[in-house]
Amino acid sequence: MTLERIDPDGLARPETYTHVVVAAGSRLVFVAGQVAEDEDGNVVGRDEFPTQARQAFSNLGRALAAAGASPEHVASSGSSWSPWTKIICR
């Protein structure tokens, strides 16, 4: 899939995102939320936000690769961060 990034005239040109993305191609991949767990389901970096973020993004990369995609193919993403102790008890 190719992504055409467009910043229309009359809108500010942001440094970190593009206002419009047109996806061309016939394949869409949807990835479930990724968390700071290793392949055995163990929490990685408990109480260490940077370590947890690295693990979650590493897991996202693995999920994309399994579908034949990589981060540059992502048209949209969202994130939500919460301390593990508030989400699950292990």
PDB file of N, CA and C in Angstrom:
ATOM      1  N   MET A   1       0.845  -1.166   0.000  1.00  0.00           N
ATOM      2  CA  MET A   1       0.000   0.000   0.000  1.00  0.00           C
ATOM      3  C   MET A   1       0.892   1.231   0.000  1.00  0.00           C
ATOM      4  N   THR A   2       0.532   2.201  -0.800  1.00  0.00           N
ATOM      5  CA  THR A   2       1.266   3.463  -0.809  1.00  0.00           C
ATOM      6  C   THR A   2       0.434   4.512  -0.084  1.00  0.00           C
ATOM      7  N   LEU A   3       1.126   5.417   0.556  1.00  0.00           N
ATOM      8  CA  LEU A   3       0.468   6.498   1.275  1.00  0.00           C
ATOM      9  C   LEU A   3       0.873   7.826   0.650  1.00  0.00           C
ATOM     10  N   GLU A   4      -0.100   8.595   0.233  1.00  0.00           N
ATOM     11  CA  GLU A   4       0.147   9.946  -0.284  1.00  0.00           C
ATOM     12  C   GLU A   4      -0.178  10.925   0.841  1.00  0.00           C
ATOM     13  N   ARG A   5       0.817  11.671   1.268  1.00  0.00           N
ATOM     14  CA  ARG A   5       0.644  12.634   2.359  1.00  0.00           C
ATOM     15  C   ARG A   5       0.414  14.021   1.776  1.00  0.00           C
ATOM     16  N   ILE A   6      -0.643  14.684   2.245  1.00  0.00           N
ATOM     17  CA  ILE A   6      -1.016  15.990   1.697  1.00  0.00           C
ATOM     18  C   ILE A   6      -1.200  16.987   2.838  1.00  0.00           C
ATOM     19  N   ASP A   7      -0.566  18.139   2.713  1.00  0.00           N
ATOM     20  CA  ASP A   7      -0.827  19.274   3.598  1.00  0.00           C
ATOM     21  C   ASP A   7      -1.468  20.353   2.738  1.00  0.00           C
ATOM     22  N   PRO A   8      -2.801  20.489   2.802  1.00  0.00           N
ATOM     23  CA  PRO A   8      -3.509  21.422   1.924  1.00  0.00           C
ATOM     24  C   PRO A   8      -3.088  22.880   2.134  1.00  0.00           C
ATOM     25  N   ASP A   9      -3.127  23.647   1.064  1.00  0.00           N
ATOM     26  CA  ASP A   9      -2.899  25.083   1.173  1.00  0.00           C
ATOM     27  C   ASP A   9      -3.921  25.672   2.143  1.00  0.00           C
ATOM     28  N   GLY A  10      -3.492  26.641   2.906  1.00  0.00           N
ATOM     29  CA  GLY A  10      -4.380  27.292   3.859  1.00  0.00           C
ATOM     30  C   GLY A  10      -4.363  26.665   5.239  1.00  0.00           C
ATOM     31  N   LEU A  11      -3.649  25.525   5.399  1.00  0.00           N
ATOM     32  CA  LEU A  11      -3.493  24.900   6.711  1.00  0.00           C
ATOM     33  C   LEU A  11      -2.032  24.969   7.109  1.00  0.00           C
ATOM     34  N   ALA A  12      -1.780  25.130   8.400  1.00  0.00           N
ATOM     35  CA  ALA A  12      -0.399  25.148   8.892  1.00  0.00           C
ATOM     36  C   ALA A  12       0.289  23.849   8.517  1.00  0.00           C
ATOM     37  N   ARG A  13       1.583  23.928   8.281  1.00  0.00           N
ATOM     38  CA  ARG A  13       2.352  22.734   7.927  1.00  0.00           C
ATOM     39  C   ARG A  13       3.024  22.187   9.192  1.00  0.00           C
ATOM     40  N   PRO A  14       2.392  21.198   9.811  1.00  0.00           N
ATOM     41  CA  PRO A  14       2.945  20.652  11.055  1.00  0.00           C
ATOM     42  C   PRO A  14       4.226  19.858  10.805  1.00  0.00           C
ATOM     43  N   GLU A  15       5.077  19.819  11.808  1.00  0.00           N
ATOM     44  CA  GLU A  15       6.331  19.082  11.689  1.00  0.00           C
ATOM     45  C   GLU A  15       6.166  17.601  11.997  1.00  0.00           C
ATOM     46  N   THR A  16       5.154  17.234  12.762  1.00  0.00           N
ATOM     47  CA  THR A  16       5.064  15.863  13.264  1.00  0.00           C
ATOM     48  C   THR A  16       3.948  15.025  12.659  1.00  0.00           C
ATOM     49  N   TYR A  17       3.128  15.593  11.788  1.00  0.00           N
ATOM     50  CA  TYR A  17       2.077  14.802  11.154  1.00  0.00           C
ATOM     51  C   TYR A  17       1.652  15.465   9.854  1.00  0.00           C
ATOM     52  N   THR A  18       0.812  14.770   9.106  1.00  0.00           N
ATOM     53  CA  THR A  18       0.273  15.277   7.853  1.00  0.00           C
ATOM     54  C   THR A  18      -1.236  15.384   8.007  1.00  0.00           C
ATOM     55  N   HIS A  19      -1.826  16.462   7.494  1.00  0.00           N
ATOM     56  CA  HIS A  19      -3.269  16.664   7.644  1.00  0.00           C
ATOM     57  C   HIS A  19      -4.099  15.594   6.938  1.00  0.00           C
ATOM     58  N   VAL A  20      -3.665  15.168   5.773  1.00  0.00           N
ATOM     59  CA  VAL A  20      -4.433  14.211   4.973  1.00  0.00           C
ATOM     60  C   VAL A  20      -3.503  13.112   4.480  1.00  0.00           C
ATOM     61  N   VAL A  21      -3.963  11.869   4.565  1.00  0.00           N
ATOM     62  CA  VAL A  21      -3.225  10.744   4.002  1.00  0.00           C
ATOM     63  C   VAL A  21      -4.191   9.951   3.134  1.00  0.00           C
ATOM     64  N   VAL A  22      -3.790   9.718   1.894  1.00  0.00           N
ATOM     65  CA  VAL A  22      -4.584   8.914   0.977  1.00  0.00           C
ATOM     66  C   VAL A  22      -3.887   7.570   0.823  1.00  0.00           C
ATOM     67  N   ALA A  23      -4.588   6.493   1.188  1.00  0.00           N
ATOM     68  CA  ALA A  23      -4.019   5.150   1.081  1.00  0.00           C
ATOM     69  C   ALA A  23      -4.497   4.514  -0.214  1.00  0.00           C
ATOM     70  N   ALA A  24      -3.559   4.039  -1.022  1.00  0.00           N
ATOM     71  CA  ALA A  24      -3.900   3.359  -2.269  1.00  0.00           C
ATOM     72  C   ALA A  24      -3.451   1.908  -2.167  1.00  0.00           C
ATOM     73  N   GLY A  25      -4.280   1.019  -2.571  1.00  0.00           N
ATOM     74  CA  GLY A  25      -3.969  -0.400  -2.493  1.00  0.00           C
ATOM     75  C   GLY A  25      -5.177  -1.149  -1.969  1.00  0.00           C
ATOM     76  N   SER A  26      -5.077  -2.439  -1.932  1.00  0.00           N
ATOM     77  CA  SER A  26      -6.250  -3.225  -1.585  1.00  0.00           C
ATOM     78  C   SER A  26      -6.138  -3.956  -0.256  1.00  0.00           C
ATOM     79  N   ARG A  27      -5.101  -3.721   0.498  1.00  0.00           N
ATOM     80  CA  ARG A  27      -4.919  -4.465   1.740  1.00  0.00           C
ATOM     81  C   ARG A  27      -4.871  -3.529   2.931  1.00  0.00           C
ATOM     82  N   LEU A  28      -5.720  -3.773   3.917  1.00  0.00           N
ATOM     83  CA  LEU A  28      -5.707  -3.040   5.174  1.00  0.00           C
ATOM     84  C   LEU A  28      -5.372  -4.014   6.289  1.00  0.00           C
ATOM     85  N   VAL A  29      -4.547  -3.586   7.229  1.00  0.00           N
ATOM     86  CA  VAL A  29      -4.172  -4.414   8.368  1.00  0.00           C
ATOM     87  C   VAL A  29      -4.564  -3.664   9.631  1.00  0.00           C
ATOM     88  N   PHE A  30      -5.256  -4.335  10.520  1.00  0.00           N
ATOM     89  CA  PHE A  30      -5.643  -3.753  11.795  1.00  0.00           C
ATOM     90  C   PHE A  30      -4.905  -4.517  12.890  1.00  0.00           C
ATOM     91  N   VAL A  31      -4.203  -3.784  13.745  1.00  0.00           N
ATOM     92  CA  VAL A  31      -3.407  -4.398  14.804  1.00  0.00           C
ATOM     93  C   VAL A  31      -4.050  -4.060  16.147  1.00  0.00           C
ATOM     94  N   ALA A  32      -4.246  -5.073  16.966  1.00  0.00           N
ATOM     95  CA  ALA A  32      -4.786  -4.864  18.307  1.00  0.00           C
ATOM     96  C   ALA A  32      -3.779  -4.091  19.152  1.00  0.00           C
ATOM     97  N   GLY A  33      -4.257  -3.503  20.222  1.00  0.00           N
ATOM     98  CA  GLY A  33      -3.383  -2.756  21.130  1.00  0.00           C
ATOM     99  C   GLY A  33      -2.246  -3.625  21.646  1.00  0.00           C
ATOM    100  N   GLN A  34      -1.054  -3.088  21.637  1.00  0.00           N
ATOM    101  CA  GLN A  34       0.121  -3.813  22.097  1.00  0.00           C
ATOM    102  C   GLN A  34       0.548  -3.274  23.449  1.00  0.00           C
ATOM    103  N   VAL A  35       0.968  -4.178  24.319  1.00  0.00           N
ATOM    104  CA  VAL A  35       1.332  -3.813  25.683  1.00  0.00           C
ATOM    105  C   VAL A  35       2.751  -4.252  25.983  1.00  0.00           C
ATOM    106  N   ALA A  36       3.219  -3.917  27.171  1.00  0.00           N
ATOM    107  CA  ALA A  36       4.597  -4.211  27.583  1.00  0.00           C
ATOM    108  C   ALA A  36       4.697  -5.625  28.151  1.00  0.00           C
ATOM    109  N   GLU A  37       4.432  -6.608  27.285  1.00  0.00           N
ATOM    110  CA  GLU A  37       4.589  -8.001  27.678  1.00  0.00           C
ATOM    111  C   GLU A  37       5.573  -8.677  26.734  1.00  0.00           C
ATOM    112  N   ASP A  38       6.347  -9.626  27.300  1.00  0.00           N
ATOM    113  CA  ASP A  38       7.232 -10.405  26.443  1.00  0.00           C
ATOM    114  C   ASP A  38       6.440 -11.545  25.812  1.00  0.00           C
ATOM    115  N   GLU A  39       7.107 -12.384  25.027  1.00  0.00           N
ATOM    116  CA  GLU A  39       6.403 -13.442  24.298  1.00  0.00           C
ATOM    117  C   GLU A  39       5.756 -14.473  25.212  1.00  0.00           C
ATOM    118  N   ASP A  40       6.155 -14.504  26.493  1.00  0.00           N
ATOM    119  CA  ASP A  40       5.552 -15.437  27.441  1.00  0.00           C
ATOM    120  C   ASP A  40       4.449 -14.783  28.273  1.00  0.00           C
ATOM    121  N   GLY A  41       4.133 -13.524  27.975  1.00  0.00           N
ATOM    122  CA  GLY A  41       3.084 -12.824  28.706  1.00  0.00           C
ATOM    123  C   GLY A  41       3.531 -12.163  29.994  1.00  0.00           C
ATOM    124  N   ASN A  42       4.848 -12.077  30.205  1.00  0.00           N
ATOM    125  CA  ASN A  42       5.390 -11.429  31.400  1.00  0.00           C
ATOM    126  C   ASN A  42       5.496  -9.923  31.180  1.00  0.00           C
ATOM    127  N   VAL A  43       5.121  -9.142  32.191  1.00  0.00           N
ATOM    128  CA  VAL A  43       5.243  -7.691  32.106  1.00  0.00           C
ATOM    129  C   VAL A  43       6.719  -7.316  32.046  1.00  0.00           C
ATOM    130  N   VAL A  44       7.069  -6.441  31.118  1.00  0.00           N
ATOM    131  CA  VAL A  44       8.445  -5.976  30.948  1.00  0.00           C
ATOM    132  C   VAL A  44       8.545  -4.560  31.503  1.00  0.00           C
ATOM    133  N   GLY A  45       9.530  -4.321  32.356  1.00  0.00           N
ATOM    134  CA  GLY A  45       9.780  -2.976  32.855  1.00  0.00           C
ATOM    135  C   GLY A  45       8.734  -2.459  33.821  1.00  0.00           C
ATOM    136  N   ARG A  46       8.256  -3.320  34.692  1.00  0.00           N
ATOM    137  CA  ARG A  46       7.260  -2.877  35.677  1.00  0.00           C
ATOM    138  C   ARG A  46       7.755  -1.606  36.373  1.00  0.00           C
ATOM    139  N   ASP A  47       6.909  -0.593  36.422  1.00  0.00           N
ATOM    140  CA  ASP A  47       7.218   0.710  37.038  1.00  0.00           C
ATOM    141  C   ASP A  47       8.301   1.493  36.299  1.00  0.00           C
ATOM    142  N   GLU A  48       8.629   1.118  35.059  1.00  0.00           N
ATOM    143  CA  GLU A  48       9.614   1.840  34.249  1.00  0.00           C
ATOM    144  C   GLU A  48       8.976   2.194  32.905  1.00  0.00           C
ATOM    145  N   PHE A  49       8.364   3.367  32.842  1.00  0.00           N
ATOM    146  CA  PHE A  49       7.618   3.760  31.653  1.00  0.00           C
ATOM    147  C   PHE A  49       8.430   3.663  30.358  1.00  0.00           C
ATOM    148  N   PRO A  50       9.679   4.174  30.301  1.00  0.00           N
ATOM    149  CA  PRO A  50      10.424   4.085  29.037  1.00  0.00           C
ATOM    150  C   PRO A  50      10.637   2.639  28.579  1.00  0.00           C
ATOM    151  N   THR A  51      10.896   1.740  29.511  1.00  0.00           N
ATOM    152  CA  THR A  51      11.100   0.336  29.167  1.00  0.00           C
ATOM    153  C   THR A  51       9.802  -0.279  28.659  1.00  0.00           C
ATOM    154  N   GLN A  52       8.701   0.061  29.302  1.00  0.00           N
ATOM    155  CA  GLN A  52       7.403  -0.453  28.862  1.00  0.00           C
ATOM    156  C   GLN A  52       7.064   0.062  27.465  1.00  0.00           C
ATOM    157  N   ALA A  53       7.320   1.342  27.216  1.00  0.00           N
ATOM    158  CA  ALA A  53       7.027   1.917  25.899  1.00  0.00           C
ATOM    159  C   ALA A  53       7.855   1.236  24.821  1.00  0.00           C
ATOM    160  N   ARG A  54       9.140   1.019  25.083  1.00  0.00           N
ATOM    161  CA  ARG A  54       9.996   0.334  24.107  1.00  0.00           C
ATOM    162  C   ARG A  54       9.464  -1.060  23.803  1.00  0.00           C
ATOM    163  N   GLN A  55       9.026  -1.784  24.838  1.00  0.00           N
ATOM    164  CA  GLN A  55       8.510  -3.140  24.624  1.00  0.00           C
ATOM    165  C   GLN A  55       7.210  -3.102  23.812  1.00  0.00           C
ATOM    166  N   ALA A  56       6.315  -2.184  24.144  1.00  0.00           N
ATOM    167  CA  ALA A  56       5.049  -2.086  23.414  1.00  0.00           C
ATOM    168  C   ALA A  56       5.293  -1.769  21.941  1.00  0.00           C
ATOM    169  N   PHE A  57       6.195  -0.827  21.660  1.00  0.00           N
ATOM    170  CA  PHE A  57       6.483  -0.489  20.264  1.00  0.00           C
ATOM    171  C   PHE A  57       7.237  -1.614  19.556  1.00  0.00           C
ATOM    172  N   SER A  58       8.067  -2.344  20.282  1.00  0.00           N
ATOM    173  CA  SER A  58       8.728  -3.506  19.706  1.00  0.00           C
ATOM    174  C   SER A  58       7.688  -4.561  19.326  1.00  0.00           C
ATOM    175  N   ASN A  59       6.718  -4.778  20.202  1.00  0.00           N
ATOM    176  CA  ASN A  59       5.643  -5.723  19.906  1.00  0.00           C
ATOM    177  C   ASN A  59       4.831  -5.260  18.698  1.00  0.00           C
ATOM    178  N   LEU A  60       4.591  -3.964  18.605  1.00  0.00           N
ATOM    179  CA  LEU A  60       3.871  -3.421  17.453  1.00  0.00           C
ATOM    180  C   LEU A  60       4.641  -3.702  16.167  1.00  0.00           C
ATOM    181  N   GLY A  61       5.957  -3.508  16.201  1.00  0.00           N
ATOM    182  CA  GLY A  61       6.784  -3.795  15.035  1.00  0.00           C
ATOM    183  C   GLY A  61       6.688  -5.255  14.617  1.00  0.00           C
ATOM    184  N   ARG A  62       6.688  -6.160  15.599  1.00  0.00           N
ATOM    185  CA  ARG A  62       6.553  -7.589  15.292  1.00  0.00           C
ATOM    186  C   ARG A  62       5.191  -7.891  14.671  1.00  0.00           C
ATOM    187  N   ALA A  63       4.151  -7.266  15.211  1.00  0.00           N
ATOM    188  CA  ALA A  63       2.801  -7.488  14.686  1.00  0.00           C
ATOM    189  C   ALA A  63       2.707  -6.994  13.244  1.00  0.00           C
ATOM    190  N   LEU A  64       3.246  -5.814  12.974  1.00  0.00           N
ATOM    191  CA  LEU A  64       3.233  -5.288  11.606  1.00  0.00           C
ATOM    192  C   LEU A  64       4.012  -6.194  10.662  1.00  0.00           C
ATOM    193  N   ALA A  65       5.197  -6.630  11.096  1.00  0.00           N
ATOM    194  CA  ALA A  65       6.039  -7.482  10.262  1.00  0.00           C
ATOM    195  C   ALA A  65       5.326  -8.797   9.927  1.00  0.00           C
ATOM    196  N   ALA A  66       4.546  -9.320  10.859  1.00  0.00           N
ATOM    197  CA  ALA A  66       3.826 -10.565  10.609  1.00  0.00           C
ATOM    198  C   ALA A  66       2.825 -10.412   9.469  1.00  0.00           C
ATOM    199  N   ALA A  67       2.372  -9.178   9.234  1.00  0.00           N
ATOM    200  CA  ALA A  67       1.429  -8.895   8.146  1.00  0.00           C
ATOM    201  C   ALA A  67       2.148  -8.366   6.911  1.00  0.00           C
ATOM    202  N   GLY A  68       3.474  -8.358   6.943  1.00  0.00           N
ATOM    203  CA  GLY A  68       4.236  -7.857   5.803  1.00  0.00           C
ATOM    204  C   GLY A  68       4.285  -6.348   5.744  1.00  0.00           C
ATOM    205  N   ALA A  69       4.086  -5.695   6.874  1.00  0.00           N
ATOM    206  CA  ALA A  69       4.077  -4.223   6.927  1.00  0.00           C
ATOM    207  C   ALA A  69       5.194  -3.732   7.841  1.00  0.00           C
ATOM    208  N   SER A  70       5.406  -2.427   7.840  1.00  0.00           N
ATOM    209  CA  SER A  70       6.381  -1.788   8.720  1.00  0.00           C
ATOM    210  C   SER A  70       5.830  -0.422   9.128  1.00  0.00           C
ATOM    211  N   PRO A  71       6.468   0.256  10.074  1.00  0.00           N
ATOM    212  CA  PRO A  71       5.922   1.527  10.565  1.00  0.00           C
ATOM    213  C   PRO A  71       5.618   2.552   9.479  1.00  0.00           C
ATOM    214  N   GLU A  72       6.393   2.588   8.401  1.00  0.00           N
ATOM    215  CA  GLU A  72       6.111   3.587   7.356  1.00  0.00           C
ATOM    216  C   GLU A  72       4.819   3.298   6.604  1.00  0.00           C
ATOM    217  N   HIS A  73       4.236   2.122   6.797  1.00  0.00           N
ATOM    218  CA  HIS A  73       2.966   1.788   6.163  1.00  0.00           C
ATOM    219  C   HIS A  73       1.760   2.167   7.025  1.00  0.00           C
ATOM    220  N   VAL A  74       1.993   2.638   8.237  1.00  0.00           N
ATOM    221  CA  VAL A  74       0.901   2.946   9.164  1.00  0.00           C
ATOM    222  C   VAL A  74       0.261   4.275   8.786  1.00  0.00           C
ATOM    223  N   ALA A  75      -1.062   4.243   8.593  1.00  0.00           N
ATOM    224  CA  ALA A  75      -1.789   5.459   8.243  1.00  0.00           C
ATOM    225  C   ALA A  75      -2.336   6.153   9.479  1.00  0.00           C
ATOM    226  N   SER A  76      -2.629   5.412  10.522  1.00  0.00           N
ATOM    227  CA  SER A  76      -3.205   6.005  11.724  1.00  0.00           C
ATOM    228  C   SER A  76      -2.849   5.146  12.925  1.00  0.00           C
ATOM    229  N   SER A  77      -2.599   5.794  14.031  1.00  0.00           N
ATOM    230  CA  SER A  77      -2.334   5.064  15.269  1.00  0.00           C
ATOM    231  C   SER A  77      -2.807   5.902  16.446  1.00  0.00           C
ATOM    232  N   GLY A  78      -3.003   5.245  17.538  1.00  0.00           N
ATOM    233  CA  GLY A  78      -3.386   5.934  18.770  1.00  0.00           C
ATOM    234  C   GLY A  78      -2.702   5.243  19.930  1.00  0.00           C
ATOM    235  N   SER A  79      -2.576   5.926  21.022  1.00  0.00           N
ATOM    236  CA  SER A  79      -1.953   5.298  22.180  1.00  0.00           C
ATOM    237  C   SER A  79      -2.624   5.777  23.458  1.00  0.00           C
ATOM    238  N   SER A  80      -2.528   4.928  24.437  1.00  0.00           N
ATOM    239  CA  SER A  80      -3.084   5.202  25.753  1.00  0.00           C
ATOM    240  C   SER A  80      -2.153   4.553  26.751  1.00  0.00           C
ATOM    241  N   TRP A  81      -1.781   5.280  27.767  1.00  0.00           N
ATOM    242  CA  TRP A  81      -0.803   4.783  28.727  1.00  0.00           C
ATOM    243  C   TRP A  81      -1.391   4.819  30.122  1.00  0.00           C
ATOM    244  N   SER A  82      -1.290   3.709  30.833  1.00  0.00           N
ATOM    245  CA  SER A  82      -1.753   3.608  32.215  1.00  0.00           C
ATOM    246  C   SER A  82      -0.789   2.735  32.992  1.00  0.00           C
ATOM    247  N   PRO A  83      -0.595   3.024  34.271  1.00  0.00           N
ATOM    248  CA  PRO A  83       0.263   2.151  35.078  1.00  0.00           C
ATOM    249  C   PRO A  83      -0.336   0.750  35.161  1.00  0.00           C
ATOM    250  N   TRP A  84       0.515  -0.259  35.065  1.00  0.00           N
ATOM    251  CA  TRP A  84       0.048  -1.647  35.139  1.00  0.00           C
ATOM    252  C   TRP A  84      -0.747  -1.909  36.403  1.00  0.00           C
ATOM    253  N   THR A  85      -0.338  -1.326  37.515  1.00  0.00           N
ATOM    254  CA  THR A  85      -0.999  -1.624  38.777  1.00  0.00           C
ATOM    255  C   THR A  85      -2.470  -1.205  38.751  1.00  0.00           C
ATOM    256  N   LYS A  86      -2.839  -0.285  37.875  1.00  0.00           N
ATOM    257  CA  LYS A  86      -4.230   0.132  37.784  1.00  0.00           C
ATOM    258  C   LYS A  86      -5.024  -0.709  36.788  1.00  0.00           C
ATOM    259  N   ILE A  87      -4.337  -1.486  35.973  1.00  0.00           N
ATOM    260  CA  ILE A  87      -5.014  -2.260  34.945  1.00  0.00           C
ATOM    261  C   ILE A  87      -5.182  -3.710  35.355  1.00  0.00           C
ATOM    262  N   ILE A  88      -4.102  -4.326  35.811  1.00  0.00           N
ATOM    263  CA  ILE A  88      -4.148  -5.739  36.152  1.00  0.00           C
ATOM    264  C   ILE A  88      -3.414  -5.987  37.455  1.00  0.00           C
ATOM    265  N   CYS A  89      -3.723  -7.063  38.074  1.00  0.00           N
ATOM    266  CA  CYS A  89      -2.994  -7.486  39.274  1.00  0.00           C
ATOM    267  C   CYS A  89      -2.304  -8.788  38.932  1.00  0.00           C
ATOM    268  N   ARG A  90      -0.998  -8.822  39.126  1.00  0.00           N
ATOM    269  CA  ARG A  90      -0.249 -10.062  38.864  1.00  0.00           C
ATOM    270  C   ARG A  90       0.564 -10.403  40.084  1.00  0.00           C
TER     271      ARG A  90
END
